[in-house]
Amino acid sequence: MNKSQAIKLKCLDCAGDSPKEVTLCHIVDCPLWQFRFGYSTKDKRYKKRMEAAKRKYPEVYREMLQILSEYTENMANLPEYVQIHAVLEKKKEPEEPNKDFPMQALYASK
């Protein structure tokens, strides 16, 4: 088993073996979140999976976006969120991370 498979299985276990719950996972501060499908949010399969979730589960999808936006309002400008938002809403290109904010600070206190 490789790392991607292990992460995917861990996320399925956490989500009660529900692929839907993994796709629409709202625990965005989990270090495995961006890799929960077994591949990165930068992978084109991610975009396809999220677009399918948007069509199948529009209400839950909107709730996930709301949670993501609230999370980022309370945190620094996380590049992962900008990428996710760009993929899901197709409104803007991913922004560069805030170079003035040390990303290590987010994880140092944990």
Protein backbone atom coordinates (compact mmCIF):
# COMPACT_ATOMS: atom_id res chain seq x y z
CA MET A 1 0.00 0.00 0.00
CA ASN A 2 1.36 3.43 -0.91
CA LYS A 3 0.81 6.75 0.89
CA SER A 4 -2.07 7.84 -1.33
CA GLN A 5 -3.95 4.60 -0.77
CA ALA A 6 -3.35 4.80 2.99
CA ILE A 7 -4.67 8.38 3.15
CA LYS A 8 -7.72 7.47 1.09
CA LEU A 9 -8.48 4.50 3.36
CA LYS A 10 -7.98 6.60 6.50
CA CYS A 11 -10.39 9.23 5.18
CA LEU A 12 -12.96 6.58 4.26
CA ASP A 13 -12.65 5.12 7.75
CA CYS A 14 -13.09 8.56 9.34
CA ALA A 15 -16.14 9.23 7.13
CA GLY A 16 -17.87 5.96 8.00
CA ASP A 17 -16.91 4.32 4.69
CA SER A 18 -18.93 6.91 2.76
CA PRO A 19 -17.25 8.28 -0.40
CA LYS A 20 -19.83 11.10 -0.37
CA GLU A 21 -18.71 12.17 3.11
CA VAL A 22 -15.07 12.04 2.05
CA THR A 23 -15.82 14.22 -0.97
CA LEU A 24 -17.79 16.77 1.04
CA CYS A 25 -15.60 16.59 4.13
CA HIS A 26 -15.81 19.75 6.22
CA ILE A 27 -12.80 19.05 8.47
CA VAL A 28 -10.57 21.37 6.47
CA ASP A 29 -7.96 21.75 9.20
CA CYS A 30 -7.11 18.03 8.97
CA PRO A 31 -3.60 17.63 7.53
CA LEU A 32 -4.92 14.92 5.18
CA TRP A 33 -7.86 16.97 3.89
CA GLN A 34 -6.38 18.07 0.58
CA PHE A 35 -5.32 14.48 -0.16
CA ARG A 36 -8.54 12.79 1.03
CA PHE A 37 -9.31 11.26 -2.38
CA GLY A 38 -5.90 9.64 -2.63
CA TYR A 39 -4.67 12.46 -4.85
CA SER A 40 -4.01 16.18 -4.50
CA THR A 41 -6.44 19.05 -5.05
CA LYS A 42 -4.22 19.96 -8.01
CA ASP A 43 -5.06 16.71 -9.81
CA LYS A 44 -7.64 16.97 -12.62
CA ARG A 45 -9.55 14.04 -11.08
CA TYR A 46 -10.23 16.32 -8.08
CA LYS A 47 -12.04 18.83 -10.27
CA LYS A 48 -14.18 16.11 -11.86
CA ARG A 49 -15.10 14.62 -8.50
CA MET A 50 -16.05 17.99 -7.01
CA GLU A 51 -18.10 18.97 -10.06
CA ALA A 52 -19.99 15.67 -9.78
CA ALA A 53 -20.61 16.33 -6.07
CA LYS A 54 -21.90 19.80 -6.90
CA ARG A 55 -24.46 18.29 -9.30
CA LYS A 56 -25.47 15.35 -7.06
CA TYR A 57 -25.54 17.10 -3.68
CA PRO A 58 -26.05 20.85 -4.29
CA GLU A 59 -27.28 21.64 -0.77
CA VAL A 60 -24.45 19.81 1.02
CA TYR A 61 -21.99 21.26 -1.48
CA ARG A 62 -23.11 24.81 -0.60
CA GLU A 63 -22.75 24.01 3.10
CA MET A 64 -19.19 22.81 2.49
CA LEU A 65 -18.36 26.03 0.64
CA GLN A 66 -19.81 28.04 3.53
CA ILE A 67 -17.68 26.13 6.04
CA LEU A 68 -14.61 26.67 3.86
CA SER A 69 -15.25 30.39 3.58
CA GLU A 70 -15.82 30.75 7.34
CA TYR A 71 -12.67 28.77 8.02
CA THR A 72 -10.57 30.99 5.78
CA GLU A 73 -12.05 34.13 7.29
CA ASN A 74 -10.72 32.94 10.64
CA MET A 75 -7.36 31.79 9.30
CA ALA A 76 -4.67 33.27 7.12
CA ASN A 77 -4.97 33.32 3.35
CA LEU A 78 -4.59 29.60 2.82
CA PRO A 79 -3.50 28.77 -0.71
CA GLU A 80 -5.34 25.43 -0.57
CA TYR A 81 -8.66 27.21 -0.15
CA VAL A 82 -7.98 29.57 -3.03
CA GLN A 83 -7.20 26.60 -5.24
CA ILE A 84 -10.32 24.75 -4.13
CA HIS A 85 -12.49 27.82 -4.63
CA ALA A 86 -11.05 28.38 -8.11
CA VAL A 87 -11.71 24.77 -9.06
CA LEU A 88 -15.24 24.71 -7.71
CA GLU A 89 -16.50 28.11 -8.72
CA LYS A 90 -14.31 28.82 -11.77
CA LYS A 91 -14.36 32.53 -10.89
CA LYS A 92 -10.68 33.23 -10.48
CA GLU A 93 -7.29 31.65 -10.89
CA PRO A 94 -5.48 30.37 -7.81
CA GLU A 95 -3.60 33.12 -6.07
CA GLU A 96 -0.06 32.99 -4.87
CA PRO A 97 0.27 32.32 -1.15
CA ASN A 98 0.71 35.30 1.11
CA LYS A 99 4.50 35.55 1.28
CA ASP A 100 4.32 37.72 4.42
CA PHE A 101 2.55 35.03 6.43
CA PRO A 102 4.71 32.15 7.66
CA MET A 103 2.67 29.00 6.95
CA GLN A 104 4.75 27.14 9.54
CA ALA A 105 3.03 29.24 12.21
CA LEU A 106 -0.26 27.46 11.49
CA TYR A 107 1.22 24.10 12.36
CA ALA A 108 3.73 25.10 15.05
CA SER A 109 1.11 25.41 17.79
CA LYS A 110 -0.45 21.99 17.18
